[in-house]
């Protein structure tokens, strides 16, 4: 299982992780009451195919073993957390997680949105999404976080004002909705320009980045998932555990935004840490983005519920001193600020370590350790485009494109959390602190992918039935399903797919089960998933549904 690769790489971050090793077990289904035996089955049942396929208007198989990779990171985190607890007097010997629980964690924000009681209607439409293609055939991804840059970029390329204005909302919301239907006129504008003109327009428009989409997956990026630098000073002796969770008694301060950074604290909180979230005066603006769950954004709550919030103005000297005092009392600090901001504020690792012995300082960035003459924005879809994930996400029959499901944001946050755990474990053993560096790009290196784009058969993708979709087991021979479908054993894949359209999903699942073929119903509605009793042991919540902790320690 590919999850083992990620688990082994990340567990190795902790030098001499345990004297008596903690045993980790990764199952496929875990507490989910559905027979799941491979990556496609998990993607189908747990919503990944649904979210990944929103941009196309139908569920689609994600061409990388994403859920399995996430499960490997969760397994490594479990081993590291149990090792920390053992160093503090606990008697934990094993940890269990599952690929299904990893998948549910990955779609947690989409699940929260679908199940909130807000009457706001989520808008996601297929078609018209980035990337764009230029006149000279370069397929490129575009990123900007501000409307002024968006407007200036398209103005430089000669676009009309109306489609530029119309396109801003779906463009900025593609992170949240996993879709992004842009006006056709914008694609036509891009096709009328050479790539060098596109680059020049991005340079003129402040805060805009463009990168070509690689057309081959290549090998996983050859950089370590995390790097460590020992910081000066020795930590004072800290108190032991006071509760049942592995990180009980450990306090973490985070100053983060969007998805990647908050995911770090979210995971560490689920492991028992107290997480103190630093927000600007007035609170994080993301709190007010609909749909709402109670008085706060459902998406924001999916990653930030349970954290203690402190509002601090980091632009002021007083505010920066408040942060230093918070971090001194906690001993762990996490941020995902833009490059150079920590040094500008005087809050870099070396600055804080001078007065906080044993500090664990983690920076989760976009591109480290890559260096660029003019570094592009370190956001999910640009990293997918450059790292080769975009070339592996879709089969050869479709153009290369980043998945609009935020793949590297989730994985990057999990990798940073694993780095924090490894550094805390080292501090428990040696009293020495560490600076931990990770990024979206370094996290992408954990995803196994072939040297060429996936060549999927029609029967490898979700298959349309009379009322939905089902997913056949991976590597299944066509003859194995021809009989239950009432077709000749040498029936073509096209004939099989056509036959499936004649009856509803339940009927086919029953007939295939009788022939010992374990097919999987494909989730096409996150609300139905949330209310399915087979997921009840993995989900909780009333005003919104959310995944429970994905680890079981013993």
Protein backbone atom coordinates (compact mmCIF):
# COMPACT_ATOMS: atom_id res chain seq x y z
CA UNK A 1 0.00 0.00 0.00
CA UNK A 2 1.36 3.44 -0.90
CA UNK A 3 0.45 4.70 2.56
CA UNK A 4 3.31 2.60 3.91
CA UNK A 5 5.79 4.60 1.81
CA UNK A 6 4.66 7.91 3.27
CA UNK A 7 4.51 6.46 6.79
CA UNK A 8 8.06 5.12 6.61
CA UNK A 9 9.46 8.38 5.21
CA UNK A 10 7.82 10.55 7.84
CA UNK A 11 8.36 8.27 10.81
CA UNK A 12 12.07 8.41 9.99
CA UNK A 13 11.98 12.14 10.79
CA UNK A 14 12.26 11.24 14.46
CA UNK A 15 15.74 10.01 15.24
CA UNK A 16 15.49 6.71 17.14
CA UNK A 17 11.73 7.14 17.29
CA UNK A 18 11.13 4.63 20.09
CA UNK A 19 13.12 2.22 22.19
CA UNK A 20 10.27 -0.29 21.94
CA UNK A 21 8.65 0.56 18.59
CA UNK A 22 5.05 1.71 18.46
CA UNK A 23 3.12 -0.59 16.15
CA UNK A 24 1.04 1.15 13.49
CA UNK A 25 -1.77 -0.40 11.47
CA UNK A 26 -3.41 1.13 8.40
CA UNK A 27 -6.72 -0.38 7.34
CA UNK A 28 -8.77 0.45 4.26
CA UNK A 29 -12.21 1.07 5.80
CA UNK A 30 -11.54 1.45 9.53
CA UNK A 31 -14.78 2.41 11.30
CA UNK A 32 -16.62 3.01 8.00
CA UNK A 33 -19.11 0.19 7.55
CA UNK A 34 -18.53 -0.34 3.83
CA UNK A 35 -16.31 -3.02 2.28
CA UNK A 36 -13.39 -1.05 0.87
CA UNK A 37 -10.42 -2.86 -0.60
CA UNK A 38 -8.44 -0.37 -2.67
CA UNK A 39 -7.79 3.31 -3.38
CA UNK A 40 -10.55 3.73 -6.02
CA UNK A 41 -13.15 2.24 -3.64
CA UNK A 42 -12.17 4.72 -0.91
CA UNK A 43 -12.20 7.64 -3.34
CA UNK A 44 -15.66 6.56 -4.53
CA UNK A 45 -17.30 6.01 -1.15
CA UNK A 46 -15.76 8.89 0.79
CA UNK A 47 -16.41 11.78 -1.57
CA UNK A 48 -13.05 12.34 -3.26
CA UNK A 49 -14.32 11.36 -6.72
CA UNK A 50 -17.31 13.62 -6.22
CA UNK A 51 -15.28 16.69 -5.21
CA UNK A 52 -12.49 16.08 -7.75
CA UNK A 53 -15.10 15.69 -10.49
CA UNK A 54 -17.12 18.83 -9.76
CA UNK A 55 -15.24 20.81 -12.39
CA UNK A 56 -16.31 18.24 -15.00
CA UNK A 57 -19.87 17.86 -13.74
CA UNK A 58 -19.50 14.15 -12.92
CA UNK A 59 -17.51 12.08 -10.41
CA UNK A 60 -13.98 11.36 -11.60
CA UNK A 61 -11.23 9.14 -10.35
CA UNK A 62 -8.22 11.05 -9.04
CA UNK A 63 -5.23 9.59 -10.87
CA UNK A 64 -2.94 9.47 -7.83
CA UNK A 65 -3.14 7.37 -4.67
CA UNK A 66 -4.02 10.43 -2.65
CA UNK A 67 -6.09 8.92 0.19
CA UNK A 68 -3.49 6.18 0.73
CA UNK A 69 -0.72 8.78 0.93
CA UNK A 70 -2.67 10.79 3.49
CA UNK A 71 -3.24 7.63 5.53
CA UNK A 72 0.50 7.01 5.55
CA UNK A 73 1.09 10.49 6.96
CA UNK A 74 -1.61 9.90 9.60
CA UNK A 75 0.07 6.63 10.56
CA UNK A 76 3.40 8.43 10.98
CA UNK A 77 1.74 11.13 13.07
CA UNK A 78 0.17 8.47 15.26
CA UNK A 79 3.51 6.77 15.86
CA UNK A 80 5.19 10.09 16.68
CA UNK A 81 2.36 11.19 18.99
CA UNK A 82 2.40 7.86 20.82
CA UNK A 83 6.18 8.13 21.18
CA UNK A 84 5.81 11.60 22.71
CA UNK A 85 3.25 10.24 25.15
CA UNK A 86 5.59 7.36 26.07
CA UNK A 87 8.41 9.82 26.70
CA UNK A 88 6.04 11.60 29.11
CA UNK A 89 5.10 8.47 31.04
CA UNK A 90 2.27 6.87 29.05
CA UNK A 91 2.14 3.20 28.05
CA UNK A 92 0.93 3.36 24.48
CA UNK A 93 2.11 0.56 22.22
CA UNK A 94 0.01 0.76 19.05
CA UNK A 95 -1.96 3.10 16.82
CA UNK A 96 -4.52 2.38 14.13
CA UNK A 97 -5.87 4.55 11.32
CA UNK A 98 -7.46 3.98 7.92
CA UNK A 99 -7.46 5.21 4.36
CA UNK A 100 -11.19 5.97 4.60
CA UNK A 101 -10.65 8.25 7.61
CA UNK A 102 -7.86 10.01 5.74
CA UNK A 103 -10.21 10.59 2.81
CA UNK A 104 -12.92 12.00 5.08
CA UNK A 105 -10.39 14.37 6.62
CA UNK A 106 -9.46 15.57 3.12
CA UNK A 107 -13.08 16.39 2.24
CA UNK A 108 -13.90 17.81 5.67
CA UNK A 109 -14.54 21.36 4.45
CA UNK A 110 -16.86 20.22 1.66
CA UNK A 111 -18.70 18.01 4.15
CA UNK A 112 -19.14 20.95 6.54
CA UNK A 113 -20.54 23.16 3.79
CA UNK A 114 -22.99 20.50 2.61
CA UNK A 115 -24.38 19.85 6.08
CA UNK A 116 -24.67 23.33 7.55
CA UNK A 117 -28.17 24.60 8.37
CA UNK A 118 -27.48 27.89 6.57
CA UNK A 119 -29.94 28.49 3.72
CA UNK A 120 -27.10 29.90 1.58
CA UNK A 121 -26.94 27.95 -1.67
CA UNK A 122 -23.51 26.62 -2.61
CA UNK A 123 -22.71 27.43 -6.22
CA UNK A 124 -20.47 25.15 -8.23
CA UNK A 125 -20.71 24.73 -11.96
CA UNK A 126 -18.72 22.59 -14.39
CA UNK A 127 -16.83 23.90 -17.40
CA UNK A 128 -14.69 26.92 -18.18
CA UNK A 129 -12.16 26.39 -15.42
CA UNK A 130 -8.44 27.22 -15.57
CA UNK A 131 -5.85 26.34 -16.86
CA UNK A 132 -5.69 28.51 -19.96
CA UNK A 133 -3.98 27.77 -23.30
CA UNK A 134 -2.01 30.36 -25.25
CA UNK A 135 -1.72 30.88 -29.00
CA UNK A 136 1.63 29.07 -29.03
CA UNK A 137 0.16 26.06 -27.21
CA UNK A 138 1.34 26.64 -23.64
CA UNK A 139 -1.15 25.48 -21.04
CA UNK A 140 -0.75 27.69 -17.97
CA UNK A 141 -2.16 28.12 -14.47
CA UNK A 142 -2.90 31.59 -13.09
CA UNK A 143 -3.01 32.77 -9.49
CA UNK A 144 -3.75 36.04 -7.75
CA UNK A 145 -5.37 36.73 -4.39
CA UNK A 146 -6.56 40.27 -5.09
CA UNK A 147 -9.10 41.68 -7.58
CA UNK A 148 -6.80 44.56 -8.57
CA UNK A 149 -4.18 42.15 -9.91
CA UNK A 150 -6.82 40.06 -11.68
CA UNK A 151 -8.26 43.12 -13.42
CA UNK A 152 -4.86 44.53 -14.46
CA UNK A 153 -3.65 41.17 -15.82
CA UNK A 154 -6.61 40.74 -18.15
CA UNK A 155 -6.55 44.42 -19.07
CA UNK A 156 -2.95 44.02 -20.26
CA UNK A 157 -4.05 41.12 -22.49
CA UNK A 158 -6.89 43.15 -23.99
CA UNK A 159 -9.90 41.46 -22.37
CA UNK A 160 -13.27 43.23 -22.17
CA UNK A 161 -14.22 44.55 -18.75
CA UNK A 162 -17.50 42.62 -18.38
CA UNK A 163 -16.05 39.04 -18.53
CA UNK A 164 -13.15 40.10 -16.30
CA UNK A 165 -15.60 41.30 -13.64
CA UNK A 166 -17.83 38.26 -14.09
CA UNK A 167 -14.90 35.87 -13.78
CA UNK A 168 -13.47 37.12 -10.49
CA UNK A 169 -16.05 35.48 -8.22
CA UNK A 170 -15.81 31.91 -9.61
CA UNK A 171 -12.02 32.26 -9.88
CA UNK A 172 -11.49 33.16 -6.23
CA UNK A 173 -14.11 30.66 -5.05
CA UNK A 174 -12.56 27.68 -6.84
CA UNK A 175 -10.58 26.81 -3.69
CA UNK A 176 -13.82 26.50 -1.75
CA UNK A 177 -16.12 24.95 -4.35
CA UNK A 178 -13.67 22.74 -6.33
CA UNK A 179 -15.11 24.26 -9.50
CA UNK A 180 -14.55 27.48 -11.40
CA UNK A 181 -16.68 28.21 -14.44
CA UNK A 182 -15.08 31.25 -16.06
CA UNK A 183 -16.44 33.25 -19.00
CA UNK A 184 -15.48 31.81 -22.38
CA UNK A 185 -14.17 35.24 -23.36
CA UNK A 186 -11.27 34.93 -20.90
CA UNK A 187 -10.13 31.67 -22.46
CA UNK A 188 -10.41 33.30 -25.89
CA UNK A 189 -8.27 36.20 -24.70
CA UNK A 190 -5.59 33.80 -23.48
CA UNK A 191 -5.68 31.89 -26.79
CA UNK A 192 -5.03 35.13 -28.67
CA UNK A 193 -1.75 35.78 -26.82
CA UNK A 194 1.66 34.10 -26.82
CA UNK A 195 2.93 32.79 -23.49
CA UNK A 196 5.61 35.49 -23.25
CA UNK A 197 2.87 38.12 -23.48
CA UNK A 198 1.05 36.33 -20.64
CA UNK A 199 4.22 36.39 -18.53
CA UNK A 200 4.71 40.08 -19.29
CA UNK A 201 1.11 40.85 -18.28
CA UNK A 202 1.62 39.02 -14.98
CA UNK A 203 4.78 41.00 -14.30
CA UNK A 204 2.96 44.29 -14.83
CA UNK A 205 -0.04 43.26 -12.70
CA UNK A 206 1.16 43.21 -9.09
CA UNK A 207 0.52 40.01 -7.15
CA UNK A 208 -0.15 37.80 -10.19
CA UNK A 209 1.70 34.55 -10.91
CA UNK A 210 1.58 32.29 -13.96
CA UNK A 211 3.25 28.91 -14.45
CA UNK A 212 3.08 26.39 -17.29
CA UNK A 213 1.34 23.12 -16.47
CA UNK A 214 3.82 20.26 -16.80
CA UNK A 215 2.58 17.68 -19.29
CA UNK A 216 4.16 14.66 -17.60
CA UNK A 217 4.05 13.52 -13.97
CA UNK A 218 7.75 12.75 -13.69
CA UNK A 219 9.09 11.22 -10.50
CA UNK A 220 8.02 12.54 -7.10
CA UNK A 221 9.92 15.71 -6.25
CA UNK A 222 13.28 14.79 -4.79
CA UNK A 223 13.23 16.93 -1.65
CA UNK A 224 12.73 15.91 2.00
CA UNK A 225 9.20 16.31 3.31
CA UNK A 226 10.56 18.33 6.25
CA UNK A 227 13.93 19.75 7.16
CA UNK A 228 15.17 20.39 10.69
CA UNK A 229 17.62 22.83 12.19
CA UNK A 230 18.60 22.53 15.85
CA UNK A 231 18.01 25.76 17.75
CA UNK A 232 20.21 26.95 20.64
CA UNK A 233 19.39 26.45 24.28
CA UNK A 234 17.86 23.64 26.29
CA UNK A 235 14.20 23.46 27.27
CA UNK A 236 13.26 23.47 30.95
CA UNK A 237 11.74 20.31 32.32
CA UNK A 238 8.05 20.32 31.49
CA UNK A 239 5.18 18.66 33.26
CA UNK A 240 3.93 15.26 32.12
CA UNK A 241 0.60 14.25 30.64
CA UNK A 242 -2.57 15.13 32.50
CA UNK A 243 -5.15 13.34 30.34
CA UNK A 244 -5.77 10.47 27.97
CA UNK A 245 -4.80 11.96 24.59
CA UNK A 246 -1.15 11.66 23.48
CA UNK A 247 -0.49 15.43 23.40
CA UNK A 248 -2.37 16.38 26.57
CA UNK A 249 -0.53 19.22 28.33
CA UNK A 250 1.28 20.44 25.18
CA UNK A 251 0.41 23.97 24.04
CA UNK A 252 0.86 25.19 20.46
CA UNK A 253 0.55 28.76 19.18
CA UNK A 254 -0.39 29.20 15.54
CA UNK A 255 -0.60 32.27 13.32
CA UNK A 256 -1.99 30.83 10.11
CA UNK A 257 -4.50 31.41 7.35
CA UNK A 258 -6.47 29.68 4.60
CA UNK A 259 -6.12 25.83 4.61
CA UNK A 260 -2.53 24.60 4.86
CA UNK A 261 -1.61 26.41 8.09
CA UNK A 262 -4.86 25.87 10.04
CA UNK A 263 -4.72 22.16 9.14
CA UNK A 264 -1.52 21.86 11.20
CA UNK A 265 -3.15 23.04 14.41
CA UNK A 266 -6.35 21.13 13.61
CA UNK A 267 -4.49 17.82 13.51
CA UNK A 268 -2.42 18.54 16.62
CA UNK A 269 -5.57 19.55 18.51
CA UNK A 270 -7.20 16.23 17.58
CA UNK A 271 -4.16 14.55 19.13
CA UNK A 272 -4.82 16.37 22.41
CA UNK A 273 -2.76 19.56 22.22
CA UNK A 274 -4.14 22.92 23.30
CA UNK A 275 -3.95 25.17 20.25
CA UNK A 276 -3.92 28.95 20.66
CA UNK A 277 -4.86 30.67 17.44
CA UNK A 278 -3.56 34.20 16.87
CA UNK A 279 -5.85 36.33 14.69
CA UNK A 280 -5.77 40.02 13.74
CA UNK A 281 -7.93 42.56 15.59
CA UNK A 282 -11.54 41.88 14.65
CA UNK A 283 -10.82 38.23 13.90
CA UNK A 284 -9.87 36.31 10.78
CA UNK A 285 -11.89 37.63 7.78
CA UNK A 286 -12.50 34.00 6.75
CA UNK A 287 -14.90 33.67 9.70
CA UNK A 288 -17.57 35.57 7.80
CA UNK A 289 -17.48 33.71 4.48
CA UNK A 290 -20.75 31.80 3.82
CA UNK A 291 -22.23 29.37 4.36
CA UNK A 292 -22.45 29.86 8.11
CA UNK A 293 -22.61 27.22 10.80
CA UNK A 294 -24.04 29.16 13.71
CA UNK A 295 -22.23 32.50 13.86
CA UNK A 296 -19.12 31.40 11.93
CA UNK A 297 -18.21 30.17 8.46
CA UNK A 298 -18.70 26.41 8.09
CA UNK A 299 -15.44 26.13 6.14
CA UNK A 300 -13.53 28.07 8.78
CA UNK A 301 -15.00 25.96 11.58
CA UNK A 302 -13.99 22.75 9.81
CA UNK A 303 -10.32 23.55 10.50
CA UNK A 304 -10.45 25.85 13.52
CA UNK A 305 -13.11 24.69 15.97
CA UNK A 306 -11.72 23.87 19.39
CA UNK A 307 -8.83 26.34 19.22
CA UNK A 308 -8.50 29.15 21.74
CA UNK A 309 -8.44 32.50 19.92
CA UNK A 310 -6.33 35.53 20.85
CA UNK A 311 -6.52 38.70 18.77
CA UNK A 312 -3.15 40.43 18.36
CA UNK A 313 -2.00 43.24 16.09
CA UNK A 314 1.35 41.94 14.84
CA UNK A 315 2.02 45.25 13.09
CA UNK A 316 2.51 46.91 16.48
CA UNK A 317 5.47 46.51 18.81
CA UNK A 318 3.11 45.71 21.67
CA UNK A 319 1.40 43.02 19.63
CA UNK A 320 4.68 41.36 18.68
CA UNK A 321 5.69 41.28 22.33
CA UNK A 322 2.35 39.68 23.20
CA UNK A 323 3.06 36.96 20.65
CA UNK A 324 6.56 36.36 22.05
CA UNK A 325 5.07 35.91 25.52
CA UNK A 326 2.44 33.51 24.21
CA UNK A 327 5.06 31.41 22.42
CA UNK A 328 7.33 31.45 25.47
CA UNK A 329 4.53 29.93 27.53
CA UNK A 330 3.77 27.31 24.91
CA UNK A 331 7.13 26.33 23.46
CA UNK A 332 5.72 25.53 19.98
CA UNK A 333 4.97 28.09 17.25
CA UNK A 334 3.53 27.42 13.77
CA UNK A 335 2.95 29.89 10.95
CA UNK A 336 2.49 29.93 7.17
CA UNK A 337 3.33 33.56 6.53
CA UNK A 338 4.65 34.75 3.20
CA UNK A 339 8.43 34.47 2.70
CA UNK A 340 10.29 37.22 4.53
CA UNK A 341 7.43 38.29 6.78
CA UNK A 342 8.81 36.58 9.92
CA UNK A 343 12.17 38.33 9.48
CA UNK A 344 10.43 41.64 8.82
CA UNK A 345 8.47 41.33 12.07
CA UNK A 346 11.47 40.16 14.08
CA UNK A 347 9.68 36.85 14.72
CA UNK A 348 11.93 34.44 12.82
CA UNK A 349 13.13 31.25 14.50
CA UNK A 350 16.49 32.72 15.54
CA UNK A 351 14.79 35.82 16.97
CA UNK A 352 12.46 33.81 19.21
CA UNK A 353 14.96 31.09 20.12
CA UNK A 354 17.23 33.64 21.77
CA UNK A 355 14.77 34.04 24.63
CA UNK A 356 12.78 30.78 24.38
CA UNK A 357 15.05 27.78 24.99
CA UNK A 358 13.81 24.52 23.52
CA UNK A 359 11.52 26.29 21.04
CA UNK A 360 9.87 24.23 18.30
CA UNK A 361 9.32 26.65 15.41
CA UNK A 362 7.54 25.45 12.26
CA UNK A 363 7.10 27.29 8.98
CA UNK A 364 4.81 25.76 6.39
CA UNK A 365 5.42 27.52 3.08
CA UNK A 366 4.60 27.09 -0.58
CA UNK A 367 7.84 26.29 -2.37
CA UNK A 368 10.70 25.50 0.05
CA UNK A 369 13.37 24.44 -0.66
CA UNK A 370 12.99 25.69 -4.27
CA UNK A 371 14.46 29.09 -5.05
CA UNK A 372 13.07 31.34 -7.77
CA UNK A 373 14.37 34.59 -9.27
CA UNK A 374 10.82 35.92 -8.83
CA UNK A 375 9.03 33.42 -6.62
CA UNK A 376 5.43 32.71 -7.68
CA UNK A 377 2.65 32.63 -5.14
CA UNK A 378 2.88 29.44 -3.10
CA UNK A 379 -0.67 28.19 -3.60
CA UNK A 380 -2.16 24.77 -4.20
CA UNK A 381 -2.95 24.87 -7.91
CA UNK A 382 0.39 26.43 -8.91
CA UNK A 383 2.22 23.74 -6.94
CA UNK A 384 0.15 21.03 -8.59
CA UNK A 385 0.95 22.51 -12.01
CA UNK A 386 4.70 22.69 -11.43
CA UNK A 387 5.26 19.49 -9.43
CA UNK A 388 3.65 17.13 -11.96
CA UNK A 389 0.60 16.30 -9.87
CA UNK A 390 -1.59 18.09 -12.43
CA UNK A 391 -0.30 15.72 -15.12
CA UNK A 392 -1.16 12.67 -13.01
CA UNK A 393 -4.54 13.87 -11.71
CA UNK A 394 -6.38 13.16 -14.97
CA UNK A 395 -6.00 10.30 -17.48
CA UNK A 396 -4.27 10.55 -20.86
CA UNK A 397 -7.60 11.13 -22.58
CA UNK A 398 -8.00 14.53 -20.86
CA UNK A 399 -5.83 17.68 -20.80
CA UNK A 400 -3.41 18.13 -17.91
CA UNK A 401 -4.89 20.27 -15.13
CA UNK A 402 -4.60 20.67 -11.38
CA UNK A 403 -7.43 19.08 -9.46
CA UNK A 404 -9.61 21.82 -8.02
CA UNK A 405 -9.80 19.79 -4.84
CA UNK A 406 -7.14 21.32 -2.59
CA UNK A 407 -4.74 18.38 -2.61
CA UNK A 408 -1.43 19.91 -1.56
CA UNK A 409 -3.00 22.28 0.99
CA UNK A 410 -4.33 19.31 2.98
CA UNK A 411 -1.25 17.15 2.50
CA UNK A 412 1.08 20.08 3.22
CA UNK A 413 -0.66 20.79 6.51
CA UNK A 414 -0.43 17.14 7.54
CA UNK A 415 3.27 16.98 6.66
CA UNK A 416 4.01 20.10 8.71
CA UNK A 417 2.12 18.61 11.68
CA UNK A 418 4.26 15.47 11.39
CA UNK A 419 7.36 17.64 11.44
CA UNK A 420 6.15 19.41 14.59
CA UNK A 421 5.55 16.04 16.25
CA UNK A 422 9.04 14.84 15.33
CA UNK A 423 10.57 18.03 16.74
CA UNK A 424 8.55 17.81 19.98
CA UNK A 425 9.64 14.19 20.37
CA UNK A 426 13.27 15.18 19.94
CA UNK A 427 12.79 17.92 22.56
CA UNK A 428 11.26 15.41 24.98
CA UNK A 429 14.35 13.21 24.56
CA UNK A 430 17.12 15.83 24.31
CA UNK A 431 15.56 19.11 25.58
CA UNK A 432 16.76 20.73 22.33
CA UNK A 433 14.47 22.81 20.15
CA UNK A 434 14.20 22.77 16.36
CA UNK A 435 13.18 24.84 13.40
CA UNK A 436 10.95 22.77 11.09
CA UNK A 437 10.53 23.73 7.44
CA UNK A 438 8.04 22.13 5.06
CA UNK A 439 6.01 23.26 2.09
CA UNK A 440 3.26 22.37 -0.34
CA UNK A 441 5.98 21.46 -2.83
CA UNK A 442 7.92 19.23 -0.43
CA UNK A 443 4.70 17.49 0.60
CA UNK A 444 3.93 16.76 -3.05
CA UNK A 445 7.05 14.58 -3.08
CA UNK A 446 5.31 12.00 -0.91
CA UNK A 447 2.71 11.22 -3.58
CA UNK A 448 3.81 8.22 -5.65
CA UNK A 449 3.18 8.59 -9.36
CA UNK A 450 4.31 6.84 -12.52
CA UNK A 451 6.68 8.35 -15.04
CA UNK A 452 3.82 8.79 -17.49
CA UNK A 453 0.19 9.88 -17.32
CA UNK A 454 -2.36 7.25 -16.22
CA UNK A 455 -4.05 5.31 -19.02
CA UNK A 456 -7.43 4.40 -17.56
CA UNK A 457 -9.94 2.11 -19.23
CA UNK A 458 -13.60 3.06 -19.38
CA UNK A 459 -14.24 0.52 -16.61
CA UNK A 460 -11.56 2.07 -14.39
CA UNK A 461 -13.52 5.31 -14.05
CA UNK A 462 -16.86 5.72 -12.22
CA UNK A 463 -19.51 3.99 -14.35
CA UNK A 464 -22.91 5.59 -14.93
CA UNK A 465 -25.93 3.56 -13.89
CA UNK A 466 -29.64 4.32 -14.32
CA UNK A 467 -29.62 6.43 -11.12
CA UNK A 468 -26.01 7.13 -10.15
CA UNK A 469 -22.48 5.77 -10.42
CA UNK A 470 -20.53 2.77 -9.23
CA UNK A 471 -16.82 1.99 -9.13
CA UNK A 472 -15.43 -1.43 -10.00
CA UNK A 473 -12.42 -2.85 -8.12
CA UNK A 474 -9.04 -1.81 -9.47
CA UNK A 475 -7.36 -4.10 -12.01
CA UNK A 476 -10.56 -6.09 -12.47
CA UNK A 477 -10.75 -8.07 -15.72
CA UNK A 478 -13.74 -7.24 -17.92
CA UNK A 479 -14.74 -10.91 -18.07
CA UNK A 480 -15.32 -10.89 -14.30
CA UNK A 481 -18.32 -8.57 -14.67
CA UNK A 482 -19.57 -9.61 -18.10
CA UNK A 483 -21.42 -12.63 -16.73
CA UNK A 484 -23.37 -10.78 -13.99
CA UNK A 485 -24.29 -8.17 -16.62
CA UNK A 486 -25.65 -10.87 -18.95
CA UNK A 487 -23.01 -10.22 -21.63
CA UNK A 488 -20.53 -12.44 -23.41
CA UNK A 489 -17.21 -12.90 -21.61
CA UNK A 490 -15.39 -11.12 -24.45
CA UNK A 491 -17.65 -8.06 -24.29
CA UNK A 492 -15.86 -4.78 -24.89
CA UNK A 493 -15.48 -2.16 -22.12
CA UNK A 494 -17.84 0.10 -24.09
CA UNK A 495 -20.50 -2.63 -24.09
CA UNK A 496 -20.08 -3.13 -20.34
CA UNK A 497 -20.44 0.60 -19.66
CA UNK A 498 -23.54 0.81 -21.84
CA UNK A 499 -25.12 -2.16 -20.05
CA UNK A 500 -24.68 -0.57 -16.62
CA UNK A 501 -26.92 2.34 -17.66
CA UNK A 502 -29.92 0.03 -17.94
CA UNK A 503 -30.49 -0.59 -14.20
CA UNK A 504 -30.09 1.32 -10.92
CA UNK A 505 -26.98 1.12 -8.79
CA UNK A 506 -28.48 -1.10 -6.08
CA UNK A 507 -29.50 -3.72 -8.61
CA UNK A 508 -26.01 -3.92 -10.07
CA UNK A 509 -24.32 -3.96 -6.65
CA UNK A 510 -26.48 -6.96 -5.70
CA UNK A 511 -25.77 -8.88 -8.91
CA UNK A 512 -22.04 -8.18 -8.71
CA UNK A 513 -21.91 -9.21 -5.03
CA UNK A 514 -23.46 -12.56 -5.97
CA UNK A 515 -20.50 -13.03 -8.35
CA UNK A 516 -18.03 -12.03 -5.59
CA UNK A 517 -17.27 -8.68 -7.24
CA UNK A 518 -17.12 -5.98 -4.56
CA UNK A 519 -18.14 -2.83 -6.43
CA UNK A 520 -18.63 0.49 -4.62
CA UNK A 521 -21.38 3.09 -4.85
CA UNK A 522 -19.89 6.45 -5.80
CA UNK A 523 -20.84 9.35 -3.52
CA UNK A 524 -22.49 12.13 -5.53
CA UNK A 525 -23.93 14.15 -2.61
CA UNK A 526 -22.02 14.95 0.57
CA UNK A 527 -25.30 15.30 2.48
CA UNK A 528 -26.21 11.71 1.72
CA UNK A 529 -22.77 10.59 2.86
CA UNK A 530 -23.19 12.53 6.12
CA UNK A 531 -26.54 10.88 6.87
CA UNK A 532 -25.45 7.36 5.87
CA UNK A 533 -25.41 5.25 9.09
CA UNK A 534 -22.37 3.36 7.79
CA UNK A 535 -20.32 6.54 8.35
CA UNK A 536 -21.72 7.26 11.82
CA UNK A 537 -18.66 5.91 13.66
CA UNK A 538 -16.36 8.21 11.67
CA UNK A 539 -18.40 11.45 11.73
CA UNK A 540 -20.00 13.68 14.35
CA UNK A 541 -21.68 17.07 14.70
CA UNK A 542 -25.16 18.58 14.59
CA UNK A 543 -25.05 22.06 12.96
CA UNK A 544 -22.49 20.58 10.57
CA UNK A 545 -20.89 17.15 10.17
CA UNK A 546 -17.17 16.69 10.64
CA UNK A 547 -14.69 13.79 10.73
CA UNK A 548 -13.75 12.43 14.14
CA UNK A 549 -10.14 11.86 15.16
CA UNK A 550 -8.66 9.33 12.71
CA UNK A 551 -6.46 7.52 15.27
CA UNK A 552 -7.13 4.81 17.80
CA UNK A 553 -4.38 4.39 20.40
CA UNK A 554 -3.87 1.45 22.72
